[in-house]
Amino acid sequence: MLREVPWRFIKSLSGKKEREKTGMTVVEGPPSVMMALETGVDIEYLVMSRSFFSSPSGAEVSRLLERGPAPRQVFTVPDELFERMSETKSPQGVLCVVGVPFRFKETVPKSPWDKQLEVVGVDIQDPGNVGTLVRTASAVGASSVVFLGSGADPFSPKCIRASAGTVFRVAVRSPRRDVSPTGYLLKRRSEGMEICKTVPRRGVSPWEADLTKSLCLVFGNEAKGLDDEVLSVPGLEISIPMPGGTESLNVAVASGMILYEALRQRMGHS
C-alpha cells in the first residue's frame, strides 16, 4: 500500500501520451469528483488538500466516501503539494484518478429513451465545447456521445472539468484514430440509425425534422464544420434558421438548440 501520494504520476496525466499509456486520467474540482463518487466510478486515487478537507465541500466528499464504493487510496496533503499536482490556475483542493474507459462499480449510465439518441462530434477542438456537448447530451438523456477525428480528448482533465462531471452520467466514447468518421457513420447507418448532419444552411430546420427516430446527431469542427466526406454519408441535413444573417453558430449553442428540440419531440411521443 502506498504511504505517499504519487504526485509525479498524477501530474504526468496532464499529457495525452501518458494518459493513453496508462489508461488513466485526472478528474479535478468538487463538482466532477463528487459526480464520480455519486455514480460509483472505480477510483484509483482520491487526493484532498488539507484546507479543502476541513471545508464544507470536503465534508460532503467525506460523506460520499463513507457511502462507498471506496477509492483504492485516499490522501490528504499539504496545500502546497496539491498545487504542484493541479493543472488549474486556481486549484480547488480535490482530485481523483480514474481508469479510461470508466469502470462503474454500481451505477451504469442509461438513457430514458427507447429510440437511441447518439451525439457525434467530429474534429471538435475546444475542450470547453467538448465538455458542453457532453453536459447537454447528458441533460437530455442521450444514449451516448462519440468523438471522432482529430479533436480534443474528451477524457482529458480540461474536458472533464468543462462537462462538470456529467461525463460520468452518459456513455462517452472516443474510438481509435484509425476509425474514420465516415466509416463509423456508415456502420451506424447499417445498424438502423438515421444520420442527421448539422450544416450552416440549406438543411431542414430542427423543428421540421423527425428527431424521435433512432438517430446520430452529427456536429462538426468549430471553424470548418463537417467535411465533404462526412456530408456524403446518406442521411438528413439539419440547419438552424438564422434570419439575422449570422454565418454560423457556436457548436455548443447549436447542439443545445437541436438536442432540446429532440427532447421536446421525444417527450411528446413518450
Protein backbone atom coordinates (compact mmCIF):
# COMPACT_ATOMS: atom_id res chain seq x y z
CA MET A 1 0.00 0.00 0.00
CA LEU A 2 1.29 3.45 -0.90
CA ARG A 3 2.27 5.66 2.03
CA GLU A 4 2.93 8.78 -0.04
CA VAL A 5 0.76 10.34 -2.71
CA PRO A 6 2.13 9.58 -6.21
CA TRP A 7 2.08 13.24 -7.16
CA ARG A 8 4.57 12.97 -10.03
CA PHE A 9 2.45 10.28 -11.66
CA ILE A 10 -0.71 12.34 -11.17
CA LYS A 11 1.00 15.39 -12.65
CA SER A 12 2.12 13.37 -15.68
CA LEU A 13 -1.50 12.56 -16.58
CA SER A 14 -1.95 16.10 -17.87
CA GLY A 15 -0.22 14.78 -21.02
CA LYS A 16 -2.21 12.77 -23.54
CA LYS A 17 0.60 10.28 -24.21
CA GLU A 18 0.79 9.36 -20.53
CA ARG A 19 -3.00 9.02 -20.32
CA GLU A 20 -3.01 6.69 -23.32
CA LYS A 21 -0.04 4.72 -21.97
CA THR A 22 -1.54 4.18 -18.50
CA GLY A 23 -5.24 4.16 -19.37
CA MET A 24 -5.89 6.70 -16.61
CA THR A 25 -6.90 10.34 -16.31
CA VAL A 26 -7.35 13.03 -13.67
CA VAL A 27 -10.71 14.37 -12.51
CA GLU A 28 -10.34 17.68 -10.70
CA GLY A 29 -12.70 20.01 -8.85
CA PRO A 30 -15.59 19.36 -6.43
CA PRO A 31 -18.43 19.01 -9.00
CA SER A 32 -16.61 16.44 -11.12
CA VAL A 33 -15.14 14.47 -8.21
CA MET A 34 -18.48 14.35 -6.41
CA MET A 35 -20.17 13.15 -9.61
CA ALA A 36 -17.56 10.40 -9.92
CA LEU A 37 -18.26 9.31 -6.34
CA GLU A 38 -22.04 9.50 -6.76
CA THR A 39 -22.07 7.40 -9.92
CA GLY A 40 -19.82 4.70 -8.48
CA VAL A 41 -16.87 5.09 -10.84
CA ASP A 42 -13.90 2.89 -9.98
CA ILE A 43 -11.40 5.39 -8.48
CA GLU A 44 -7.71 4.61 -8.11
CA TYR A 45 -6.63 7.61 -6.00
CA LEU A 46 -8.52 10.45 -4.34
CA VAL A 47 -6.49 13.43 -3.12
CA MET A 48 -7.65 16.37 -0.98
CA SER A 49 -5.71 19.38 0.22
CA ARG A 50 -5.84 19.98 3.97
CA SER A 51 -7.79 23.21 3.60
CA PHE A 52 -10.33 21.50 1.33
CA PHE A 53 -10.65 18.56 3.72
CA SER A 54 -11.73 20.91 6.53
CA SER A 55 -14.19 22.85 4.32
CA PRO A 56 -17.96 22.19 3.85
CA SER A 57 -17.23 20.72 0.41
CA GLY A 58 -14.62 18.48 1.98
CA ALA A 59 -17.20 17.28 4.48
CA GLU A 60 -19.54 16.43 1.60
CA VAL A 61 -16.81 14.44 -0.14
CA SER A 62 -16.14 12.61 3.14
CA ARG A 63 -19.84 11.71 3.39
CA LEU A 64 -19.78 10.34 -0.14
CA LEU A 65 -16.69 8.31 0.71
CA GLU A 66 -18.50 6.77 3.68
CA ARG A 67 -21.36 5.69 1.42
CA GLY A 68 -18.90 3.92 -0.90
CA PRO A 69 -17.66 2.37 -3.06
CA ALA A 70 -14.29 3.50 -1.73
CA PRO A 71 -11.28 4.54 -3.84
CA ARG A 72 -8.24 2.29 -3.58
CA GLN A 73 -6.21 5.06 -1.92
CA VAL A 74 -7.27 8.32 -0.23
CA PHE A 75 -4.73 11.03 0.59
CA THR A 76 -4.85 14.35 2.43
CA VAL A 77 -1.87 16.52 1.51
CA PRO A 78 -0.49 20.00 2.28
CA ASP A 79 -1.98 22.74 0.12
CA GLU A 80 1.42 23.44 -1.44
CA LEU A 81 1.78 19.86 -2.65
CA PHE A 82 -1.74 19.84 -4.04
CA GLU A 83 -0.95 22.97 -6.04
CA ARG A 84 2.03 21.18 -7.58
CA MET A 85 -0.23 18.34 -8.74
CA SER A 86 -3.01 20.54 -10.07
CA GLU A 87 -3.01 21.82 -13.63
CA THR A 88 -5.51 24.61 -12.91
CA LYS A 89 -4.63 28.22 -12.17
CA SER A 90 -6.85 28.21 -9.09
CA PRO A 91 -6.78 24.70 -7.57
CA GLN A 92 -9.99 23.74 -5.78
CA GLY A 93 -8.40 21.23 -3.45
CA VAL A 94 -9.71 17.87 -4.62
CA LEU A 95 -8.93 15.48 -7.47
CA CYS A 96 -9.13 11.80 -8.27
CA VAL A 97 -7.52 9.40 -10.72
CA VAL A 98 -9.78 7.06 -12.69
CA GLY A 99 -9.31 4.49 -15.43
CA VAL A 100 -10.40 5.13 -19.02
CA PRO A 101 -12.82 3.87 -20.17
CA PHE A 102 -14.65 4.46 -16.93
CA ARG A 103 -15.48 1.38 -14.89
CA PHE A 104 -18.67 1.62 -12.87
CA LYS A 105 -18.93 -0.47 -9.70
CA GLU A 106 -22.65 0.12 -9.22
CA THR A 107 -24.48 2.62 -11.40
CA VAL A 108 -24.15 2.48 -15.18
CA PRO A 109 -25.45 5.44 -17.25
CA LYS A 110 -28.70 4.58 -19.03
CA SER A 111 -30.78 6.59 -21.47
CA PRO A 112 -34.52 7.03 -20.74
CA TRP A 113 -35.44 6.74 -24.44
CA ASP A 114 -36.43 3.57 -26.31
CA LYS A 115 -35.02 5.02 -29.54
CA GLN A 116 -31.31 5.78 -29.39
CA LEU A 117 -30.13 9.39 -29.37
CA GLU A 118 -26.42 9.40 -30.10
CA VAL A 119 -24.45 12.63 -30.26
CA VAL A 120 -21.39 12.59 -32.53
CA GLY A 121 -18.71 15.29 -32.53
CA VAL A 122 -16.24 15.34 -35.43
CA ASP A 123 -12.93 17.23 -35.09
CA ILE A 124 -14.17 19.40 -32.20
CA GLN A 125 -11.08 21.16 -30.90
CA ASP A 126 -12.04 23.25 -27.90
CA PRO A 127 -12.22 21.40 -24.55
CA GLY A 128 -14.98 23.79 -23.45
CA ASN A 129 -17.12 22.81 -26.44
CA VAL A 130 -16.41 19.11 -25.87
CA GLY A 131 -17.44 19.40 -22.22
CA THR A 132 -20.55 21.43 -23.04
CA LEU A 133 -21.61 18.89 -25.66
CA VAL A 134 -21.32 16.10 -23.09
CA ARG A 135 -23.17 18.15 -20.47
CA THR A 136 -26.06 18.96 -22.80
CA ALA A 137 -26.26 15.39 -24.10
CA SER A 138 -26.45 14.14 -20.52
CA ALA A 139 -29.18 16.64 -19.68
CA VAL A 140 -31.49 15.46 -22.49
CA GLY A 141 -30.88 11.77 -21.80
CA ALA A 142 -28.73 10.92 -24.83
CA SER A 143 -27.72 7.28 -25.06
CA SER A 144 -24.08 8.09 -25.87
CA VAL A 145 -21.63 10.76 -27.02
CA VAL A 146 -18.96 9.80 -29.54
CA PHE A 147 -15.98 11.95 -30.51
CA LEU A 148 -14.29 11.21 -33.83
CA GLY A 149 -11.37 12.62 -35.79
CA SER A 150 -8.59 14.85 -34.53
CA GLY A 151 -10.39 16.87 -31.89
CA ALA A 152 -9.77 17.34 -28.17
CA ASP A 153 -9.54 14.26 -25.97
CA PRO A 154 -12.89 14.00 -24.12
CA PHE A 155 -11.11 12.22 -21.26
CA SER A 156 -8.59 15.00 -20.68
CA PRO A 157 -8.80 16.81 -17.33
CA LYS A 158 -9.89 20.02 -19.11
CA CYS A 159 -12.76 18.35 -20.96
CA ILE A 160 -13.93 16.51 -17.85
CA ARG A 161 -13.96 19.78 -15.88
CA ALA A 162 -15.86 21.50 -18.69
CA SER A 163 -18.50 18.77 -18.50
CA ALA A 164 -18.96 19.47 -14.77
CA GLY A 165 -18.66 15.73 -14.18
CA THR A 166 -21.56 14.79 -16.47
CA VAL A 167 -19.04 12.69 -18.39
CA PHE A 168 -19.95 10.09 -15.74
CA ARG A 169 -23.70 10.41 -16.46
CA VAL A 170 -23.68 9.48 -20.14
CA ALA A 171 -21.66 6.92 -22.08
CA VAL A 172 -18.75 8.78 -23.73
CA ARG A 173 -16.60 7.08 -26.35
CA SER A 174 -13.61 8.11 -28.43
CA PRO A 175 -12.74 5.37 -30.95
CA ARG A 176 -9.20 4.80 -32.16
CA ARG A 177 -7.77 7.34 -34.60
CA ASP A 178 -7.84 4.74 -37.37
CA VAL A 179 -11.65 4.70 -37.18
CA SER A 180 -12.69 7.28 -39.77
CA PRO A 181 -15.77 9.45 -39.10
CA THR A 182 -17.24 8.33 -42.43
CA GLY A 183 -16.65 4.67 -41.70
CA TYR A 184 -18.17 4.98 -38.24
CA LEU A 185 -21.29 6.75 -39.52
CA LEU A 186 -21.79 4.26 -42.35
CA LYS A 187 -21.58 1.45 -39.81
CA ARG A 188 -24.17 3.12 -37.58
CA ARG A 189 -26.42 3.63 -40.60
CA SER A 190 -26.16 -0.08 -41.44
CA GLU A 191 -27.30 -0.77 -37.87
CA GLY A 192 -30.52 1.16 -38.47
CA MET A 193 -29.55 4.61 -37.20
CA GLU A 194 -30.71 7.75 -39.03
CA ILE A 195 -27.72 10.03 -39.69
CA CYS A 196 -28.56 13.71 -39.05
CA LYS A 197 -25.75 16.06 -40.09
CA THR A 198 -25.73 19.68 -38.99
CA VAL A 199 -24.90 22.26 -41.67
CA PRO A 200 -24.95 26.09 -41.60
CA ARG A 201 -27.62 26.46 -44.28
CA ARG A 202 -29.92 24.75 -46.80
CA GLY A 203 -30.84 21.97 -44.39
CA VAL A 204 -34.21 21.14 -42.84
CA SER A 205 -34.93 23.10 -39.66
CA PRO A 206 -34.80 21.04 -36.44
CA TRP A 207 -38.50 21.56 -35.74
CA GLU A 208 -39.43 20.24 -39.20
CA ALA A 209 -37.26 17.13 -38.83
CA ASP A 210 -38.39 13.93 -37.11
CA LEU A 211 -35.96 13.61 -34.21
CA THR A 212 -37.84 10.80 -32.47
CA LYS A 213 -36.16 8.04 -34.50
CA SER A 214 -33.01 6.19 -33.50
CA LEU A 215 -30.51 8.72 -34.74
CA CYS A 216 -26.96 10.04 -34.72
CA LEU A 217 -26.82 13.83 -34.45
CA VAL A 218 -23.52 14.85 -36.02
CA PHE A 219 -21.76 18.14 -35.19
CA GLY A 220 -18.60 19.36 -36.89
CA ASN A 221 -15.46 21.38 -36.31
CA GLU A 222 -15.86 24.88 -34.87
CA ALA A 223 -14.30 26.65 -37.88
CA LYS A 224 -14.91 24.31 -40.82
CA GLY A 225 -17.98 22.30 -39.87
CA LEU A 226 -18.35 18.84 -41.41
CA ASP A 227 -16.12 17.99 -44.36
CA ASP A 228 -17.39 16.77 -47.74
CA GLU A 229 -16.59 13.14 -46.95
CA VAL A 230 -18.80 13.15 -43.86
CA LEU A 231 -21.51 15.08 -45.70
CA SER A 232 -21.51 12.36 -48.37
CA VAL A 233 -22.88 9.84 -45.86
CA PRO A 234 -26.57 9.37 -46.71
CA GLY A 235 -28.89 11.00 -44.22
CA LEU A 236 -30.69 14.16 -43.24
CA GLU A 237 -29.09 17.62 -43.16
CA ILE A 238 -30.28 20.00 -40.44
CA SER A 239 -29.80 23.77 -40.29
CA ILE A 240 -30.85 26.23 -37.61
CA PRO A 241 -32.59 29.22 -39.25
CA MET A 242 -30.59 32.45 -38.89
CA PRO A 243 -32.75 35.24 -40.38
CA GLY A 244 -30.46 37.86 -38.86
CA GLY A 245 -27.72 36.97 -41.31
CA THR A 246 -25.20 35.37 -38.94
CA GLU A 247 -22.92 33.00 -40.83
CA SER A 248 -22.92 30.22 -38.22
CA LEU A 249 -23.49 29.40 -34.56
CA ASN A 250 -21.04 28.10 -31.99
CA VAL A 251 -21.20 24.31 -31.85
CA ALA A 252 -22.15 24.40 -28.17
CA VAL A 253 -25.10 26.72 -28.90
CA ALA A 254 -26.22 24.80 -31.98
CA SER A 255 -26.05 21.44 -30.23
CA GLY A 256 -28.08 22.77 -27.32
CA MET A 257 -30.86 24.04 -29.59
CA ILE A 258 -31.09 20.85 -31.63
CA LEU A 259 -30.82 18.47 -28.68
CA TYR A 260 -33.57 20.27 -26.81
CA GLU A 261 -35.78 20.12 -29.89
CA ALA A 262 -35.12 16.37 -29.93
CA LEU A 263 -36.07 16.26 -26.24
CA ARG A 264 -39.28 18.23 -26.87
CA GLN A 265 -40.32 15.86 -29.64
CA ARG A 266 -39.48 12.74 -27.64
CA MET A 267 -41.37 13.93 -24.57
CA GLY A 268 -44.40 14.39 -26.80
CA HIS A 269 -44.09 10.83 -28.09
CA SER A 270 -43.34 9.09 -24.78
